[in-house]
All heavy atoms as atom14 arrays in JSON, in Angstrom:
{
  "sequence": "SETLRLVEKLGFSKITLDDIARCLGKKKSFLNYYFPDKEALLAAA",
  "atom14_mask": [
    [1, 1, 1, 1, 1, 1, 0, 0, 0, 0, 0, 0, 0, 0],
    [1, 1, 1, 1, 1, 1, 1, 1, 1, 0, 0, 0, 0, 0],
    [1, 1, 1, 1, 1, 1, 1, 0, 0, 0, 0, 0, 0, 0],
    [1, 1, 1, 1, 1, 1, 1, 1, 0, 0, 0, 0, 0, 0],
    [1, 1, 1, 1, 1, 1, 1, 1, 1, 1, 1, 0, 0, 0],
    [1, 1, 1, 1, 1, 1, 1, 1, 0, 0, 0, 0, 0, 0],
    [1, 1, 1, 1, 1, 1, 1, 0, 0, 0, 0, 0, 0, 0],
    [1, 1, 1, 1, 1, 1, 1, 1, 1, 0, 0, 0, 0, 0],
    [1, 1, 1, 1, 1, 1, 1, 1, 1, 0, 0, 0, 0, 0],
    [1, 1, 1, 1, 1, 1, 1, 1, 0, 0, 0, 0, 0, 0],
    [1, 1, 1, 1, 0, 0, 0, 0, 0, 0, 0, 0, 0, 0],
    [1, 1, 1, 1, 1, 1, 1, 1, 1, 1, 1, 0, 0, 0],
    [1, 1, 1, 1, 1, 1, 0, 0, 0, 0, 0, 0, 0, 0],
    [1, 1, 1, 1, 1, 1, 1, 1, 1, 0, 0, 0, 0, 0],
    [1, 1, 1, 1, 1, 1, 1, 1, 0, 0, 0, 0, 0, 0],
    [1, 1, 1, 1, 1, 1, 1, 0, 0, 0, 0, 0, 0, 0],
    [1, 1, 1, 1, 1, 1, 1, 1, 0, 0, 0, 0, 0, 0],
    [1, 1, 1, 1, 1, 1, 1, 1, 0, 0, 0, 0, 0, 0],
    [1, 1, 1, 1, 1, 1, 1, 1, 0, 0, 0, 0, 0, 0],
    [1, 1, 1, 1, 1, 1, 1, 1, 0, 0, 0, 0, 0, 0],
    [1, 1, 1, 1, 1, 0, 0, 0, 0, 0, 0, 0, 0, 0],
    [1, 1, 1, 1, 1, 1, 1, 1, 1, 1, 1, 0, 0, 0],
    [1, 1, 1, 1, 1, 1, 0, 0, 0, 0, 0, 0, 0, 0],
    [1, 1, 1, 1, 1, 1, 1, 1, 0, 0, 0, 0, 0, 0],
    [1, 1, 1, 1, 0, 0, 0, 0, 0, 0, 0, 0, 0, 0],
    [1, 1, 1, 1, 1, 1, 1, 1, 1, 0, 0, 0, 0, 0],
    [1, 1, 1, 1, 1, 1, 1, 1, 1, 0, 0, 0, 0, 0],
    [1, 1, 1, 1, 1, 1, 1, 1, 1, 0, 0, 0, 0, 0],
    [1, 1, 1, 1, 1, 1, 0, 0, 0, 0, 0, 0, 0, 0],
    [1, 1, 1, 1, 1, 1, 1, 1, 1, 1, 1, 0, 0, 0],
    [1, 1, 1, 1, 1, 1, 1, 1, 0, 0, 0, 0, 0, 0],
    [1, 1, 1, 1, 1, 1, 1, 1, 0, 0, 0, 0, 0, 0],
    [1, 1, 1, 1, 1, 1, 1, 1, 1, 1, 1, 1, 0, 0],
    [1, 1, 1, 1, 1, 1, 1, 1, 1, 1, 1, 1, 0, 0],
    [1, 1, 1, 1, 1, 1, 1, 1, 1, 1, 1, 0, 0, 0],
    [1, 1, 1, 1, 1, 1, 1, 0, 0, 0, 0, 0, 0, 0],
    [1, 1, 1, 1, 1, 1, 1, 1, 0, 0, 0, 0, 0, 0],
    [1, 1, 1, 1, 1, 1, 1, 1, 1, 0, 0, 0, 0, 0],
    [1, 1, 1, 1, 1, 1, 1, 1, 1, 0, 0, 0, 0, 0],
    [1, 1, 1, 1, 1, 0, 0, 0, 0, 0, 0, 0, 0, 0],
    [1, 1, 1, 1, 1, 1, 1, 1, 0, 0, 0, 0, 0, 0],
    [1, 1, 1, 1, 1, 1, 1, 1, 0, 0, 0, 0, 0, 0],
    [1, 1, 1, 1, 1, 0, 0, 0, 0, 0, 0, 0, 0, 0],
    [1, 1, 1, 1, 1, 0, 0, 0, 0, 0, 0, 0, 0, 0],
    [1, 1, 1, 1, 1, 0, 0, 0, 0, 0, 0, 0, 0, 0]
  ],
  "atom14_positions": [
    [[-3.32, -6.55, 4.54], [-4.48, -6.18, 5.26], [-4.76, -4.63, 5.19], [-5.91, -4.16, 4.98], [-4.45, -6.68, 6.77], [-4.5, -8.05, 6.67], [0.0, 0.0, 0.0], [0.0, 0.0, 0.0], [0.0, 0.0, 0.0], [0.0, 0.0, 0.0], [0.0, 0.0, 0.0], [0.0, 0.0, 0.0], [0.0, 0.0, 0.0], [0.0, 0.0, 0.0]],
    [[-3.64, -3.93, 5.35], [-3.83, -2.43, 5.4], [-4.08, -1.93, 4.05], [-4.87, -0.95, 3.88], [-2.51, -1.81, 6.0], [-2.54, -0.35, 6.21], [-3.67, 0.06, 7.23], [-3.91, -0.72, 8.14], [-4.16, 1.2, 7.08], [0.0, 0.0, 0.0], [0.0, 0.0, 0.0], [0.0, 0.0, 0.0], [0.0, 0.0, 0.0], [0.0, 0.0, 0.0]],
    [[-3.51, -2.53, 3.03], [-3.81, -2.15, 1.64], [-5.28, -2.27, 1.28], [-5.98, -1.41, 0.81], [-2.93, -3.02, 0.64], [-1.53, -2.76, 0.98], [-3.32, -2.61, -0.74], [0.0, 0.0, 0.0], [0.0, 0.0, 0.0], [0.0, 0.0, 0.0], [0.0, 0.0, 0.0], [0.0, 0.0, 0.0], [0.0, 0.0, 0.0], [0.0, 0.0, 0.0]],
    [[-5.8, -3.47, 1.66], [-7.26, -3.7, 1.37], [-8.19, -2.84, 2.21], [-9.2, -2.36, 1.66], [-7.64, -5.2, 1.78], [-7.02, -6.16, 0.8], [-7.21, -7.65, 1.36], [-7.68, -6.11, -0.6], [0.0, 0.0, 0.0], [0.0, 0.0, 0.0], [0.0, 0.0, 0.0], [0.0, 0.0, 0.0], [0.0, 0.0, 0.0], [0.0, 0.0, 0.0]],
    [[-7.78, -2.44, 3.41], [-8.54, -1.54, 4.14], [-8.67, -0.12, 3.59], [-9.8, 0.34, 3.42], [-7.92, -1.42, 5.59], [-8.86, -0.52, 6.54], [-8.24, -0.32, 7.93], [-7.08, 0.6, 7.79], [-7.17, 1.98, 7.71], [-8.43, 2.49, 7.78], [-6.13, 2.7, 7.68], [0.0, 0.0, 0.0], [0.0, 0.0, 0.0], [0.0, 0.0, 0.0]],
    [[-7.56, 0.27, 2.94], [-7.53, 1.63, 2.35], [-8.16, 1.56, 1.02], [-8.88, 2.49, 0.58], [-6.08, 2.02, 2.17], [-5.29, 2.46, 3.44], [-3.85, 2.75, 3.19], [-6.02, 3.65, 4.21], [0.0, 0.0, 0.0], [0.0, 0.0, 0.0], [0.0, 0.0, 0.0], [0.0, 0.0, 0.0], [0.0, 0.0, 0.0], [0.0, 0.0, 0.0]],
    [[-8.06, 0.42, 0.34], [-8.78, 0.32, -1.05], [-10.29, 0.38, -0.8], [-10.95, 0.99, -1.53], [-8.35, -1.02, -1.71], [-9.33, -1.27, -2.9], [-6.9, -0.98, -2.21], [0.0, 0.0, 0.0], [0.0, 0.0, 0.0], [0.0, 0.0, 0.0], [0.0, 0.0, 0.0], [0.0, 0.0, 0.0], [0.0, 0.0, 0.0], [0.0, 0.0, 0.0]],
    [[-10.71, -0.39, 0.25], [-12.24, -0.37, 0.5], [-12.69, 1.02, 0.92], [-13.83, 1.47, 0.64], [-12.53, -1.39, 1.52], [-12.39, -2.77, 1.09], [-12.89, -3.75, 2.2], [-13.4, -3.26, 3.18], [-12.77, -4.96, 1.99], [0.0, 0.0, 0.0], [0.0, 0.0, 0.0], [0.0, 0.0, 0.0], [0.0, 0.0, 0.0], [0.0, 0.0, 0.0]],
    [[-11.82, 1.8, 1.52], [-12.29, 3.12, 2.05], [-12.13, 4.16, 1.01], [-13.0, 5.07, 0.79], [-11.4, 3.48, 3.31], [-11.75, 4.79, 3.89], [-10.86, 5.06, 5.09], [-11.26, 6.45, 5.72], [-10.36, 6.7, 6.9], [0.0, 0.0, 0.0], [0.0, 0.0, 0.0], [0.0, 0.0, 0.0], [0.0, 0.0, 0.0], [0.0, 0.0, 0.0]],
    [[-11.05, 4.2, 0.25], [-10.72, 5.25, -0.69], [-10.63, 4.87, -2.24], [-10.77, 5.76, -3.02], [-9.38, 5.87, -0.3], [-9.2, 6.39, 1.14], [-7.77, 6.85, 1.36], [-10.12, 7.6, 1.41], [0.0, 0.0, 0.0], [0.0, 0.0, 0.0], [0.0, 0.0, 0.0], [0.0, 0.0, 0.0], [0.0, 0.0, 0.0], [0.0, 0.0, 0.0]],
    [[-10.4, 3.61, -2.46], [-10.2, 3.2, -3.9], [-8.71, 3.21, -4.15], [-7.91, 3.89, -3.49], [0.0, 0.0, 0.0], [0.0, 0.0, 0.0], [0.0, 0.0, 0.0], [0.0, 0.0, 0.0], [0.0, 0.0, 0.0], [0.0, 0.0, 0.0], [0.0, 0.0, 0.0], [0.0, 0.0, 0.0], [0.0, 0.0, 0.0], [0.0, 0.0, 0.0]],
    [[-8.24, 2.34, -5.04], [-6.93, 2.04, -5.31], [-6.22, 3.29, -5.9], [-5.02, 3.53, -5.47], [-6.81, 0.86, -6.25], [-5.29, 0.5, -6.5], [-4.53, 0.08, -5.43], [-4.8, 0.58, -7.74], [-3.19, -0.31, -5.68], [-3.48, 0.13, -7.97], [-2.64, -0.21, -7.04], [0.0, 0.0, 0.0], [0.0, 0.0, 0.0], [0.0, 0.0, 0.0]],
    [[-6.81, 3.99, -6.79], [-6.15, 5.12, -7.52], [-5.79, 6.34, -6.53], [-4.95, 7.13, -6.84], [-7.04, 5.63, -8.7], [-8.24, 6.07, -8.21], [0.0, 0.0, 0.0], [0.0, 0.0, 0.0], [0.0, 0.0, 0.0], [0.0, 0.0, 0.0], [0.0, 0.0, 0.0], [0.0, 0.0, 0.0], [0.0, 0.0, 0.0], [0.0, 0.0, 0.0]],
    [[-6.52, 6.31, -5.41], [-6.36, 7.44, -4.48], [-5.36, 7.18, -3.4], [-5.13, 8.1, -2.58], [-7.7, 7.86, -3.92], [-8.66, 8.32, -4.9], [-10.04, 8.82, -4.33], [-11.07, 9.29, -5.37], [-12.24, 9.66, -4.66], [0.0, 0.0, 0.0], [0.0, 0.0, 0.0], [0.0, 0.0, 0.0], [0.0, 0.0, 0.0], [0.0, 0.0, 0.0]],
    [[-4.85, 6.02, -3.36], [-3.86, 5.69, -2.31], [-2.48, 5.67, -2.94], [-2.36, 5.23, -4.13], [-4.2, 4.44, -1.37], [-4.26, 3.22, -2.36], [-5.59, 4.71, -0.77], [-4.54, 2.0, -1.45], [0.0, 0.0, 0.0], [0.0, 0.0, 0.0], [0.0, 0.0, 0.0], [0.0, 0.0, 0.0], [0.0, 0.0, 0.0], [0.0, 0.0, 0.0]],
    [[-1.42, 5.84, -2.11], [-0.05, 5.67, -2.58], [0.66, 4.66, -1.64], [0.19, 4.4, -0.54], [0.63, 7.07, -2.65], [0.78, 7.46, -1.22], [-0.06, 8.04, -3.45], [0.0, 0.0, 0.0], [0.0, 0.0, 0.0], [0.0, 0.0, 0.0], [0.0, 0.0, 0.0], [0.0, 0.0, 0.0], [0.0, 0.0, 0.0], [0.0, 0.0, 0.0]],
    [[1.84, 4.24, -2.03], [2.61, 3.45, -1.13], [3.04, 4.19, 0.09], [3.12, 3.68, 1.2], [3.96, 2.98, -1.9], [3.68, 1.91, -2.95], [5.06, 1.6, -3.6], [3.11, 0.68, -2.46], [0.0, 0.0, 0.0], [0.0, 0.0, 0.0], [0.0, 0.0, 0.0], [0.0, 0.0, 0.0], [0.0, 0.0, 0.0], [0.0, 0.0, 0.0]],
    [[3.21, 5.49, -0.01], [3.52, 6.35, 1.08], [2.32, 6.31, 2.1], [2.48, 6.25, 3.39], [3.76, 7.77, 0.67], [5.11, 7.96, -0.02], [6.12, 7.28, 0.56], [5.22, 8.71, -0.89], [0.0, 0.0, 0.0], [0.0, 0.0, 0.0], [0.0, 0.0, 0.0], [0.0, 0.0, 0.0], [0.0, 0.0, 0.0], [0.0, 0.0, 0.0]],
    [[1.06, 6.29, 1.62], [-0.06, 6.32, 2.54], [-0.19, 4.98, 3.27], [-0.39, 4.94, 4.45], [-1.38, 6.4, 1.6], [-1.53, 7.71, 1.04], [-1.11, 8.75, 1.55], [-2.16, 7.74, -0.09], [0.0, 0.0, 0.0], [0.0, 0.0, 0.0], [0.0, 0.0, 0.0], [0.0, 0.0, 0.0], [0.0, 0.0, 0.0], [0.0, 0.0, 0.0]],
    [[0.07, 3.91, 2.54], [0.08, 2.64, 3.2], [1.2, 2.46, 4.16], [0.94, 1.99, 5.36], [0.2, 1.45, 2.14], [-0.98, 1.65, 1.1], [0.24, 0.09, 2.75], [-0.77, 0.66, -0.1], [0.0, 0.0, 0.0], [0.0, 0.0, 0.0], [0.0, 0.0, 0.0], [0.0, 0.0, 0.0], [0.0, 0.0, 0.0], [0.0, 0.0, 0.0]],
    [[2.36, 2.92, 3.88], [3.46, 2.79, 4.74], [3.21, 3.67, 6.05], [3.54, 3.17, 7.11], [4.76, 3.33, 4.06], [0.0, 0.0, 0.0], [0.0, 0.0, 0.0], [0.0, 0.0, 0.0], [0.0, 0.0, 0.0], [0.0, 0.0, 0.0], [0.0, 0.0, 0.0], [0.0, 0.0, 0.0], [0.0, 0.0, 0.0], [0.0, 0.0, 0.0]],
    [[2.68, 4.88, 5.85], [2.31, 5.75, 6.92], [1.38, 5.1, 7.93], [1.58, 5.2, 9.13], [1.76, 7.1, 6.38], [1.74, 8.16, 7.48], [1.21, 9.47, 6.89], [1.99, 9.9, 5.68], [1.45, 9.87, 4.47], [0.27, 9.44, 4.17], [2.26, 10.24, 3.49], [0.0, 0.0, 0.0], [0.0, 0.0, 0.0], [0.0, 0.0, 0.0]],
    [[0.32, 4.37, 7.36], [-0.63, 3.77, 8.29], [0.01, 2.67, 9.11], [-0.52, 2.27, 10.22], [-1.69, 3.22, 7.4], [-2.85, 4.54, 6.72], [0.0, 0.0, 0.0], [0.0, 0.0, 0.0], [0.0, 0.0, 0.0], [0.0, 0.0, 0.0], [0.0, 0.0, 0.0], [0.0, 0.0, 0.0], [0.0, 0.0, 0.0], [0.0, 0.0, 0.0]],
    [[1.08, 2.08, 8.47], [1.77, 0.98, 9.2], [2.89, 1.42, 10.06], [3.59, 0.72, 10.73], [2.31, 0.0, 8.19], [1.33, -0.8, 7.33], [2.01, -1.5, 6.14], [0.63, -1.85, 8.23], [0.0, 0.0, 0.0], [0.0, 0.0, 0.0], [0.0, 0.0, 0.0], [0.0, 0.0, 0.0], [0.0, 0.0, 0.0], [0.0, 0.0, 0.0]],
    [[3.11, 2.8, 10.1], [4.23, 3.39, 10.87], [5.5, 3.05, 10.24], [6.55, 3.03, 11.0], [0.0, 0.0, 0.0], [0.0, 0.0, 0.0], [0.0, 0.0, 0.0], [0.0, 0.0, 0.0], [0.0, 0.0, 0.0], [0.0, 0.0, 0.0], [0.0, 0.0, 0.0], [0.0, 0.0, 0.0], [0.0, 0.0, 0.0], [0.0, 0.0, 0.0]],
    [[5.61, 2.96, 8.88], [6.78, 2.63, 8.19], [7.1, 3.57, 7.19], [6.34, 4.51, 6.89], [6.71, 1.15, 7.59], [6.38, 0.07, 8.64], [7.61, -0.13, 9.53], [7.25, -1.31, 10.43], [8.33, -1.61, 11.37], [0.0, 0.0, 0.0], [0.0, 0.0, 0.0], [0.0, 0.0, 0.0], [0.0, 0.0, 0.0], [0.0, 0.0, 0.0]],
    [[8.26, 3.41, 6.41], [8.61, 4.18, 5.24], [8.37, 3.45, 3.97], [8.22, 2.26, 3.98], [10.12, 4.63, 5.37], [10.47, 5.58, 6.54], [11.93, 5.9, 6.48], [12.22, 6.96, 7.62], [13.61, 7.36, 7.58], [0.0, 0.0, 0.0], [0.0, 0.0, 0.0], [0.0, 0.0, 0.0], [0.0, 0.0, 0.0], [0.0, 0.0, 0.0]],
    [[8.25, 4.24, 2.95], [7.95, 3.61, 1.6], [8.96, 2.47, 1.26], [8.54, 1.41, 0.68], [7.92, 4.64, 0.46], [7.6, 4.05, -0.88], [7.62, 5.17, -1.89], [7.38, 4.66, -3.28], [7.4, 5.83, -4.28], [0.0, 0.0, 0.0], [0.0, 0.0, 0.0], [0.0, 0.0, 0.0], [0.0, 0.0, 0.0], [0.0, 0.0, 0.0]],
    [[10.2, 2.65, 1.58], [11.25, 1.7, 1.27], [11.02, 0.38, 1.94], [11.33, -0.66, 1.42], [12.65, 2.25, 1.74], [12.7, 2.54, 3.09], [0.0, 0.0, 0.0], [0.0, 0.0, 0.0], [0.0, 0.0, 0.0], [0.0, 0.0, 0.0], [0.0, 0.0, 0.0], [0.0, 0.0, 0.0], [0.0, 0.0, 0.0], [0.0, 0.0, 0.0]],
    [[10.24, 0.36, 3.1], [9.89, -0.86, 3.79], [8.92, -1.66, 2.93], [9.09, -2.94, 2.77], [9.22, -0.45, 5.1], [8.59, -1.6, 5.76], [9.32, -2.51, 6.55], [7.12, -1.83, 5.7], [8.63, -3.57, 7.23], [6.61, -2.87, 6.38], [7.3, -3.75, 7.16], [0.0, 0.0, 0.0], [0.0, 0.0, 0.0], [0.0, 0.0, 0.0]],
    [[7.96, -0.94, 2.26], [7.04, -1.73, 1.35], [7.79, -2.29, 0.1], [7.47, -3.24, -0.36], [5.87, -0.83, 0.98], [4.99, -0.28, 2.04], [3.89, 0.54, 1.44], [4.44, -1.48, 2.86], [0.0, 0.0, 0.0], [0.0, 0.0, 0.0], [0.0, 0.0, 0.0], [0.0, 0.0, 0.0], [0.0, 0.0, 0.0], [0.0, 0.0, 0.0]],
    [[8.73, -1.45, -0.41], [9.36, -1.85, -1.63], [10.33, -3.09, -1.43], [10.62, -3.76, -2.4], [10.3, -0.71, -2.12], [9.47, 0.37, -2.74], [9.81, 1.63, -2.46], [8.49, 0.13, -3.49], [0.0, 0.0, 0.0], [0.0, 0.0, 0.0], [0.0, 0.0, 0.0], [0.0, 0.0, 0.0], [0.0, 0.0, 0.0], [0.0, 0.0, 0.0]],
    [[10.59, -3.44, -0.22], [11.31, -4.6, 0.15], [10.55, -5.82, -0.21], [11.02, -6.91, -0.63], [11.78, -4.59, 1.55], [12.37, -5.94, 2.02], [13.69, -6.22, 1.73], [11.7, -6.92, 2.71], [14.29, -7.44, 2.13], [12.21, -8.1, 3.08], [13.56, -8.39, 2.76], [14.09, -9.6, 3.1], [0.0, 0.0, 0.0], [0.0, 0.0, 0.0]],
    [[9.2, -5.68, -0.02], [8.19, -6.83, -0.22], [7.6, -6.72, -1.64], [7.27, -7.8, -2.16], [7.15, -6.83, 0.89], [7.78, -7.06, 2.29], [8.14, -6.09, 3.12], [7.95, -8.38, 2.7], [8.63, -6.29, 4.36], [8.55, -8.61, 3.93], [8.83, -7.63, 4.79], [9.4, -7.84, 6.03], [0.0, 0.0, 0.0], [0.0, 0.0, 0.0]],
    [[7.31, -5.54, -2.06], [6.56, -5.32, -3.26], [7.27, -4.3, -4.2], [7.43, -3.14, -3.64], [5.1, -4.99, -3.04], [4.41, -6.02, -2.13], [4.3, -5.71, -0.8], [3.9, -7.03, -2.66], [3.62, -6.59, 0.09], [3.18, -7.98, -1.8], [3.14, -7.71, -0.42], [0.0, 0.0, 0.0], [0.0, 0.0, 0.0], [0.0, 0.0, 0.0]],
    [[7.51, -4.53, -5.45], [8.2, -3.57, -6.23], [7.49, -2.32, -6.55], [7.99, -1.26, -6.72], [8.51, -4.39, -7.58], [7.51, -5.44, -7.6], [7.22, -5.82, -6.13], [0.0, 0.0, 0.0], [0.0, 0.0, 0.0], [0.0, 0.0, 0.0], [0.0, 0.0, 0.0], [0.0, 0.0, 0.0], [0.0, 0.0, 0.0], [0.0, 0.0, 0.0]],
    [[6.09, -2.48, -6.68], [5.32, -1.26, -6.96], [3.87, -1.36, -6.46], [3.57, -2.48, -5.86], [5.3, -0.97, -8.5], [4.86, -2.25, -9.31], [3.94, -2.98, -8.85], [5.51, -2.57, -10.32], [0.0, 0.0, 0.0], [0.0, 0.0, 0.0], [0.0, 0.0, 0.0], [0.0, 0.0, 0.0], [0.0, 0.0, 0.0], [0.0, 0.0, 0.0]],
    [[3.04, -0.39, -6.62], [1.74, -0.46, -6.09], [0.87, -1.52, -6.74], [0.05, -2.2, -6.08], [1.04, 0.91, -6.31], [-0.23, 1.07, -5.55], [-0.72, 2.54, -5.52], [-1.41, 2.93, -6.78], [-2.15, 4.17, -6.71], [0.0, 0.0, 0.0], [0.0, 0.0, 0.0], [0.0, 0.0, 0.0], [0.0, 0.0, 0.0], [0.0, 0.0, 0.0]],
    [[1.07, -1.72, -7.97], [0.18, -2.75, -8.68], [0.55, -4.14, -8.28], [-0.34, -4.95, -8.05], [0.48, -2.66, -10.3], [-0.22, -1.53, -10.96], [0.37, -0.16, -10.66], [1.57, -0.16, -10.19], [-0.29, 0.85, -10.82], [0.0, 0.0, 0.0], [0.0, 0.0, 0.0], [0.0, 0.0, 0.0], [0.0, 0.0, 0.0], [0.0, 0.0, 0.0]],
    [[1.76, -4.46, -7.96], [2.21, -5.75, -7.46], [1.54, -5.91, -6.11], [1.19, -7.06, -5.67], [3.69, -5.92, -7.43], [0.0, 0.0, 0.0], [0.0, 0.0, 0.0], [0.0, 0.0, 0.0], [0.0, 0.0, 0.0], [0.0, 0.0, 0.0], [0.0, 0.0, 0.0], [0.0, 0.0, 0.0], [0.0, 0.0, 0.0], [0.0, 0.0, 0.0]],
    [[1.56, -4.91, -5.29], [1.02, -4.89, -3.97], [-0.53, -5.16, -3.98], [-0.96, -6.09, -3.28], [1.25, -3.56, -3.19], [0.69, -3.44, -1.81], [0.89, -4.59, -0.97], [1.06, -2.1, -1.19], [0.0, 0.0, 0.0], [0.0, 0.0, 0.0], [0.0, 0.0, 0.0], [0.0, 0.0, 0.0], [0.0, 0.0, 0.0], [0.0, 0.0, 0.0]],
    [[-1.21, -4.5, -4.88], [-2.69, -4.75, -4.93], [-2.96, -6.16, -5.45], [-3.91, -6.8, -4.98], [-3.35, -3.73, -5.8], [-4.81, -3.91, -5.83], [-5.48, -3.63, -4.46], [-5.51, -2.95, -6.97], [0.0, 0.0, 0.0], [0.0, 0.0, 0.0], [0.0, 0.0, 0.0], [0.0, 0.0, 0.0], [0.0, 0.0, 0.0], [0.0, 0.0, 0.0]],
    [[-2.12, -6.61, -6.48], [-2.41, -7.96, -7.06], [-2.25, -9.02, -5.87], [-3.05, -9.96, -5.83], [-1.37, -8.19, -8.19], [0.0, 0.0, 0.0], [0.0, 0.0, 0.0], [0.0, 0.0, 0.0], [0.0, 0.0, 0.0], [0.0, 0.0, 0.0], [0.0, 0.0, 0.0], [0.0, 0.0, 0.0], [0.0, 0.0, 0.0], [0.0, 0.0, 0.0]],
    [[-1.23, -8.85, -5.1], [-1.02, -9.75, -3.96], [-2.21, -9.68, -2.93], [-2.58, -10.76, -2.46], [0.28, -9.53, -3.24], [0.0, 0.0, 0.0], [0.0, 0.0, 0.0], [0.0, 0.0, 0.0], [0.0, 0.0, 0.0], [0.0, 0.0, 0.0], [0.0, 0.0, 0.0], [0.0, 0.0, 0.0], [0.0, 0.0, 0.0], [0.0, 0.0, 0.0]],
    [[-2.65, -8.46, -2.69], [-3.76, -8.33, -1.69], [-5.04, -8.9, -2.22], [-5.7, -9.57, -1.45], [-3.95, -6.78, -1.45], [0.0, 0.0, 0.0], [0.0, 0.0, 0.0], [0.0, 0.0, 0.0], [0.0, 0.0, 0.0], [0.0, 0.0, 0.0], [0.0, 0.0, 0.0], [0.0, 0.0, 0.0], [0.0, 0.0, 0.0], [0.0, 0.0, 0.0]]
  ]
}
């Protein structure tokens, strides 16, 4: 949900895993537990 919110606001190329993690109050490693990279995360979203 947070990924889609940021994509709609900024576009996919302008956001990073760090941005998404920061908005969730987490670290990048937290996202990597669920998704190996940004492309996999967007594909799932």
